[in-house]
N, C-alpha and C. Protein backbone atom coordinates (compact mmCIF):
# COMPACT_ATOMS: atom_id res chain seq x y z
N MET A 1 -37.97 187.21 15.44
CA MET A 1 -37.61 186.51 14.22
C MET A 1 -36.13 186.13 14.25
N LYS A 2 -35.29 187.07 14.70
CA LYS A 2 -33.86 186.79 14.74
C LYS A 2 -33.56 185.69 15.75
N LYS A 3 -34.26 185.70 16.87
CA LYS A 3 -34.07 184.68 17.91
C LYS A 3 -34.46 183.30 17.37
N THR A 4 -35.55 183.24 16.60
CA THR A 4 -35.99 181.98 16.02
C THR A 4 -34.95 181.45 15.04
N LEU A 5 -34.39 182.32 14.22
CA LEU A 5 -33.36 181.89 13.28
C LEU A 5 -32.12 181.40 14.00
N GLU A 6 -31.77 182.05 15.09
CA GLU A 6 -30.61 181.61 15.86
C GLU A 6 -30.85 180.23 16.46
N ILE A 7 -32.04 180.02 17.00
CA ILE A 7 -32.36 178.73 17.59
C ILE A 7 -32.36 177.64 16.52
N CYS A 8 -32.95 177.93 15.36
CA CYS A 8 -32.97 176.95 14.27
C CYS A 8 -31.56 176.65 13.80
N GLY A 9 -30.74 177.67 13.67
CA GLY A 9 -29.37 177.46 13.22
C GLY A 9 -28.56 176.64 14.21
N LEU A 10 -28.70 176.93 15.49
CA LEU A 10 -27.98 176.16 16.51
C LEU A 10 -28.46 174.71 16.57
N SER A 11 -29.76 174.52 16.48
CA SER A 11 -30.27 173.14 16.53
C SER A 11 -29.84 172.37 15.29
N LEU A 12 -29.82 173.01 14.13
CA LEU A 12 -29.34 172.35 12.92
C LEU A 12 -27.86 171.99 13.06
N PHE A 13 -27.08 172.89 13.62
CA PHE A 13 -25.65 172.62 13.83
C PHE A 13 -25.46 171.40 14.72
N TRP A 14 -26.19 171.33 15.83
CA TRP A 14 -26.02 170.20 16.75
C TRP A 14 -26.51 168.90 16.15
N VAL A 15 -27.60 168.95 15.39
CA VAL A 15 -28.09 167.73 14.75
C VAL A 15 -27.06 167.22 13.75
N LEU A 16 -26.51 168.11 12.94
CA LEU A 16 -25.50 167.69 11.97
C LEU A 16 -24.25 167.17 12.66
N LEU A 17 -23.83 167.83 13.70
CA LEU A 17 -22.63 167.41 14.41
C LEU A 17 -22.83 166.05 15.06
N LEU A 18 -23.94 165.87 15.76
CA LEU A 18 -24.17 164.61 16.46
C LEU A 18 -24.42 163.47 15.48
N THR A 19 -25.09 163.74 14.36
CA THR A 19 -25.33 162.70 13.37
C THR A 19 -24.02 162.22 12.77
N SER A 20 -23.17 163.16 12.40
CA SER A 20 -21.90 162.74 11.81
C SER A 20 -21.03 162.00 12.81
N MET A 21 -21.07 162.42 14.07
CA MET A 21 -20.29 161.71 15.08
C MET A 21 -20.84 160.31 15.32
N ALA A 22 -22.15 160.17 15.33
CA ALA A 22 -22.75 158.85 15.56
C ALA A 22 -22.43 157.91 14.40
N MET A 23 -22.53 158.42 13.18
CA MET A 23 -22.22 157.59 12.03
C MET A 23 -20.74 157.25 11.98
N ALA A 24 -19.90 158.18 12.37
CA ALA A 24 -18.46 157.92 12.38
C ALA A 24 -18.12 156.89 13.45
N ALA A 25 -18.75 156.97 14.61
CA ALA A 25 -18.49 156.00 15.67
C ALA A 25 -18.97 154.62 15.26
N GLU A 26 -20.09 154.57 14.54
CA GLU A 26 -20.61 153.29 14.08
C GLU A 26 -19.67 152.67 13.05
N ALA A 27 -19.10 153.47 12.18
CA ALA A 27 -18.18 152.96 11.17
C ALA A 27 -16.81 152.65 11.76
N ALA A 28 -16.44 153.33 12.84
CA ALA A 28 -15.12 153.14 13.42
C ALA A 28 -15.06 151.95 14.36
N ALA A 29 -16.19 151.45 14.81
CA ALA A 29 -16.19 150.36 15.78
C ALA A 29 -15.45 149.12 15.30
N PRO A 30 -15.68 148.61 14.06
CA PRO A 30 -14.93 147.44 13.62
C PRO A 30 -13.44 147.74 13.43
N ALA A 31 -13.12 148.93 12.96
CA ALA A 31 -11.72 149.28 12.73
C ALA A 31 -10.97 149.44 14.05
N ALA A 32 -11.66 149.91 15.08
CA ALA A 32 -10.99 150.14 16.36
C ALA A 32 -10.63 148.83 17.04
N ALA A 33 -11.33 147.76 16.72
CA ALA A 33 -11.03 146.48 17.35
C ALA A 33 -9.66 145.97 16.91
N GLY A 34 -9.31 146.20 15.65
CA GLY A 34 -8.03 145.70 15.15
C GLY A 34 -6.91 146.71 15.22
N GLY A 35 -7.20 147.95 15.36
CA GLY A 35 -6.18 148.99 15.38
C GLY A 35 -6.80 150.34 15.62
N SER A 36 -6.08 151.38 15.32
CA SER A 36 -6.60 152.73 15.55
C SER A 36 -6.58 153.53 14.26
N ASP A 37 -7.11 152.94 13.18
CA ASP A 37 -7.19 153.63 11.91
C ASP A 37 -8.59 154.24 11.77
N TYR A 38 -8.65 155.55 11.92
CA TYR A 38 -9.93 156.24 11.88
C TYR A 38 -10.17 156.93 10.54
N THR A 39 -9.44 156.57 9.52
CA THR A 39 -9.57 157.22 8.22
C THR A 39 -10.96 157.03 7.64
N LYS A 40 -11.45 155.80 7.67
CA LYS A 40 -12.78 155.54 7.11
C LYS A 40 -13.86 156.28 7.90
N ALA A 41 -13.72 156.34 9.21
CA ALA A 41 -14.70 157.04 10.03
C ALA A 41 -14.72 158.54 9.71
N ILE A 42 -13.55 159.10 9.50
CA ILE A 42 -13.47 160.52 9.16
C ILE A 42 -14.10 160.78 7.80
N ILE A 43 -13.85 159.89 6.84
CA ILE A 43 -14.41 160.06 5.50
C ILE A 43 -15.93 159.93 5.55
N VAL A 44 -16.44 158.97 6.31
CA VAL A 44 -17.89 158.80 6.44
C VAL A 44 -18.51 160.04 7.09
N GLY A 45 -17.89 160.54 8.15
CA GLY A 45 -18.41 161.73 8.82
C GLY A 45 -18.42 162.94 7.91
N CYS A 46 -17.34 163.13 7.17
CA CYS A 46 -17.28 164.27 6.24
C CYS A 46 -18.28 164.10 5.10
N SER A 47 -18.51 162.87 4.65
CA SER A 47 -19.49 162.62 3.59
C SER A 47 -20.90 162.97 4.07
N ILE A 48 -21.22 162.58 5.28
CA ILE A 48 -22.55 162.89 5.82
C ILE A 48 -22.71 164.39 6.02
N LEU A 49 -21.67 165.03 6.49
CA LEU A 49 -21.72 166.48 6.67
C LEU A 49 -21.87 167.19 5.31
N GLY A 50 -21.14 166.72 4.30
CA GLY A 50 -21.27 167.29 2.97
C GLY A 50 -22.65 167.09 2.38
N ALA A 51 -23.23 165.91 2.61
CA ALA A 51 -24.59 165.64 2.12
C ALA A 51 -25.60 166.54 2.83
N ALA A 52 -25.40 166.75 4.13
CA ALA A 52 -26.32 167.62 4.86
C ALA A 52 -26.23 169.06 4.37
N PHE A 53 -25.03 169.56 4.15
CA PHE A 53 -24.88 170.92 3.65
C PHE A 53 -25.42 171.05 2.22
N SER A 54 -25.22 170.01 1.41
CA SER A 54 -25.75 170.03 0.05
C SER A 54 -27.26 170.17 0.05
N MET A 55 -27.93 169.37 0.87
CA MET A 55 -29.39 169.46 0.93
C MET A 55 -29.85 170.76 1.58
N ALA A 56 -29.14 171.21 2.60
CA ALA A 56 -29.55 172.43 3.30
C ALA A 56 -29.50 173.63 2.36
N PHE A 57 -28.35 173.85 1.74
CA PHE A 57 -28.21 175.02 0.88
C PHE A 57 -29.02 174.87 -0.41
N GLY A 58 -29.11 173.65 -0.91
CA GLY A 58 -29.90 173.44 -2.13
C GLY A 58 -31.37 173.72 -1.93
N THR A 59 -31.91 173.31 -0.80
CA THR A 59 -33.34 173.53 -0.57
C THR A 59 -33.65 174.93 -0.08
N ILE A 60 -32.72 175.55 0.64
CA ILE A 60 -32.95 176.94 1.05
C ILE A 60 -33.03 177.84 -0.18
N GLY A 61 -32.10 177.65 -1.10
CA GLY A 61 -32.09 178.47 -2.31
C GLY A 61 -33.32 178.25 -3.17
N THR A 62 -33.71 177.00 -3.34
CA THR A 62 -34.89 176.74 -4.17
C THR A 62 -36.17 177.22 -3.49
N GLY A 63 -36.22 177.12 -2.17
CA GLY A 63 -37.40 177.62 -1.46
C GLY A 63 -37.56 179.12 -1.61
N LEU A 64 -36.45 179.84 -1.49
CA LEU A 64 -36.51 181.29 -1.67
C LEU A 64 -36.89 181.64 -3.11
N GLY A 65 -36.34 180.92 -4.07
CA GLY A 65 -36.67 181.17 -5.47
C GLY A 65 -38.13 180.90 -5.78
N MET A 66 -38.65 179.82 -5.25
CA MET A 66 -40.07 179.51 -5.47
C MET A 66 -40.97 180.55 -4.81
N GLY A 67 -40.60 181.00 -3.65
CA GLY A 67 -41.40 182.02 -2.98
C GLY A 67 -41.45 183.32 -3.77
N GLN A 68 -40.31 183.72 -4.30
CA GLN A 68 -40.30 184.95 -5.11
C GLN A 68 -41.08 184.76 -6.41
N GLY A 69 -40.97 183.57 -7.01
CA GLY A 69 -41.72 183.31 -8.25
C GLY A 69 -43.22 183.34 -8.02
N LEU A 70 -43.66 182.71 -6.95
CA LEU A 70 -45.10 182.71 -6.64
C LEU A 70 -45.59 184.11 -6.28
N SER A 71 -44.76 184.86 -5.59
CA SER A 71 -45.14 186.23 -5.26
C SER A 71 -45.32 187.07 -6.53
N GLY A 72 -44.39 186.94 -7.44
CA GLY A 72 -44.49 187.68 -8.70
C GLY A 72 -45.71 187.26 -9.51
N ALA A 73 -45.99 185.95 -9.53
CA ALA A 73 -47.13 185.47 -10.29
C ALA A 73 -48.45 185.96 -9.70
N THR A 74 -48.57 185.93 -8.39
CA THR A 74 -49.82 186.40 -7.78
C THR A 74 -49.99 187.91 -7.97
N ASN A 75 -48.89 188.65 -7.94
CA ASN A 75 -48.98 190.09 -8.21
C ASN A 75 -49.41 190.35 -9.65
N ALA A 76 -48.87 189.55 -10.58
CA ALA A 76 -49.22 189.75 -11.99
C ALA A 76 -50.69 189.41 -12.23
N VAL A 77 -51.18 188.34 -11.63
CA VAL A 77 -52.59 187.97 -11.81
C VAL A 77 -53.49 189.00 -11.12
N GLY A 78 -53.04 189.54 -10.01
CA GLY A 78 -53.82 190.57 -9.33
C GLY A 78 -53.96 191.84 -10.16
N ARG A 79 -52.93 192.17 -10.91
CA ARG A 79 -52.98 193.38 -11.75
C ARG A 79 -53.76 193.14 -13.03
N ASN A 80 -53.61 191.92 -13.60
CA ASN A 80 -54.23 191.63 -14.89
C ASN A 80 -54.84 190.23 -14.84
N PRO A 81 -56.06 190.08 -14.36
CA PRO A 81 -56.67 188.76 -14.21
C PRO A 81 -56.87 188.02 -15.54
N GLU A 82 -56.96 188.74 -16.65
CA GLU A 82 -57.16 188.09 -17.94
C GLU A 82 -55.94 187.28 -18.38
N ALA A 83 -54.76 187.60 -17.86
CA ALA A 83 -53.53 186.92 -18.25
C ALA A 83 -53.20 185.74 -17.34
N GLN A 84 -54.20 185.25 -16.61
CA GLN A 84 -53.95 184.20 -15.64
C GLN A 84 -53.41 182.94 -16.28
N GLY A 85 -53.91 182.56 -17.45
CA GLY A 85 -53.47 181.33 -18.11
C GLY A 85 -52.00 181.38 -18.48
N LYS A 86 -51.57 182.49 -19.09
CA LYS A 86 -50.16 182.62 -19.48
C LYS A 86 -49.25 182.70 -18.26
N VAL A 87 -49.69 183.41 -17.25
CA VAL A 87 -48.88 183.55 -16.04
C VAL A 87 -48.75 182.19 -15.35
N LEU A 88 -49.85 181.44 -15.29
CA LEU A 88 -49.82 180.13 -14.65
C LEU A 88 -48.89 179.18 -15.39
N LEU A 89 -48.95 179.18 -16.70
CA LEU A 89 -48.08 178.30 -17.49
C LEU A 89 -46.61 178.67 -17.29
N THR A 90 -46.30 179.94 -17.36
CA THR A 90 -44.92 180.39 -17.17
C THR A 90 -44.44 180.10 -15.75
N MET A 91 -45.32 180.28 -14.78
CA MET A 91 -44.95 180.01 -13.40
C MET A 91 -44.67 178.53 -13.19
N MET A 92 -45.48 177.65 -13.75
CA MET A 92 -45.27 176.21 -13.59
C MET A 92 -43.97 175.76 -14.22
N VAL A 93 -43.64 176.28 -15.38
CA VAL A 93 -42.36 175.92 -16.01
C VAL A 93 -41.20 176.43 -15.16
N GLY A 94 -41.31 177.64 -14.66
CA GLY A 94 -40.26 178.19 -13.81
C GLY A 94 -40.09 177.42 -12.51
N LEU A 95 -41.21 177.02 -11.89
CA LEU A 95 -41.13 176.24 -10.66
C LEU A 95 -40.53 174.86 -10.91
N ALA A 96 -40.80 174.28 -12.06
CA ALA A 96 -40.20 172.98 -12.39
C ALA A 96 -38.69 173.12 -12.56
N MET A 97 -38.26 174.20 -13.17
CA MET A 97 -36.81 174.42 -13.33
C MET A 97 -36.14 174.66 -11.97
N ILE A 98 -36.80 175.39 -11.11
CA ILE A 98 -36.24 175.65 -9.79
C ILE A 98 -36.19 174.35 -8.98
N GLU A 99 -37.24 173.54 -9.07
CA GLU A 99 -37.29 172.29 -8.31
C GLU A 99 -36.21 171.32 -8.77
N SER A 100 -35.82 171.40 -10.03
CA SER A 100 -34.77 170.51 -10.52
C SER A 100 -33.45 170.77 -9.79
N LEU A 101 -33.22 171.99 -9.34
CA LEU A 101 -32.01 172.27 -8.58
C LEU A 101 -32.02 171.55 -7.23
N ALA A 102 -33.18 171.46 -6.60
CA ALA A 102 -33.28 170.72 -5.35
C ALA A 102 -33.07 169.23 -5.58
N ILE A 103 -33.53 168.72 -6.72
CA ILE A 103 -33.32 167.31 -7.05
C ILE A 103 -31.85 167.05 -7.31
N TYR A 104 -31.15 167.98 -7.94
CA TYR A 104 -29.70 167.83 -8.14
C TYR A 104 -28.97 167.80 -6.80
N ALA A 105 -29.40 168.62 -5.87
CA ALA A 105 -28.79 168.60 -4.53
C ALA A 105 -29.04 167.26 -3.85
N LEU A 106 -30.23 166.70 -4.04
CA LEU A 106 -30.53 165.38 -3.48
C LEU A 106 -29.64 164.31 -4.09
N VAL A 107 -29.43 164.37 -5.40
CA VAL A 107 -28.57 163.40 -6.07
C VAL A 107 -27.14 163.50 -5.53
N ILE A 108 -26.66 164.71 -5.35
CA ILE A 108 -25.30 164.89 -4.81
C ILE A 108 -25.22 164.32 -3.40
N ALA A 109 -26.24 164.57 -2.59
CA ALA A 109 -26.25 164.05 -1.23
C ALA A 109 -26.26 162.52 -1.22
N LEU A 110 -27.06 161.92 -2.09
CA LEU A 110 -27.12 160.46 -2.14
C LEU A 110 -25.81 159.85 -2.64
N VAL A 111 -25.17 160.52 -3.59
CA VAL A 111 -23.87 160.03 -4.07
C VAL A 111 -22.84 160.12 -2.95
N LEU A 112 -22.85 161.21 -2.21
CA LEU A 112 -21.89 161.35 -1.11
C LEU A 112 -22.09 160.29 -0.04
N ILE A 113 -23.33 159.90 0.20
CA ILE A 113 -23.58 158.93 1.27
C ILE A 113 -23.41 157.50 0.79
N PHE A 114 -23.98 157.14 -0.37
CA PHE A 114 -24.06 155.73 -0.77
C PHE A 114 -23.07 155.32 -1.85
N ALA A 115 -22.59 156.23 -2.67
CA ALA A 115 -21.71 155.85 -3.78
C ALA A 115 -20.35 156.52 -3.67
N ASN A 116 -19.90 156.76 -2.46
CA ASN A 116 -18.60 157.42 -2.25
C ASN A 116 -17.48 156.42 -2.54
N PRO A 117 -16.60 156.73 -3.49
CA PRO A 117 -15.52 155.77 -3.83
C PRO A 117 -14.48 155.63 -2.73
N PHE A 118 -14.40 156.55 -1.80
CA PHE A 118 -13.40 156.47 -0.74
C PHE A 118 -13.84 155.59 0.43
N ILE A 119 -15.11 155.15 0.42
CA ILE A 119 -15.60 154.32 1.52
C ILE A 119 -15.52 152.84 1.17
N GLY A 120 -15.08 152.49 0.00
CA GLY A 120 -15.02 151.09 -0.45
C GLY A 120 -14.42 150.16 0.59
N ALA A 121 -14.90 148.94 0.58
CA ALA A 121 -14.48 147.97 1.60
C ALA A 121 -13.07 147.49 1.45
């Protein structure tokens, strides 16, 4: 299990690193023709890295929260099957609240990538 987590972590690191470098090189190509101002490329790379971290940590946290919520709900229904309706309703409301955190992380990531005021032309 630990080896799998290490492999996943390393592959995620390299994907994020190479993606930000590719996007930065793509943004720096027009600027490099006229001079050597890499400010916009650095800002684009940092924005993509920030968006990736926002989505990564936002979804990891919500995934763990949903897993614990579902575990608790199934344990409660297993102990008291007659309360299934109330448990299901409470679980659905809780899962919707948890999922909204992942949507907020997505909004932050999209703002960092597409609506960044520092990338203006």
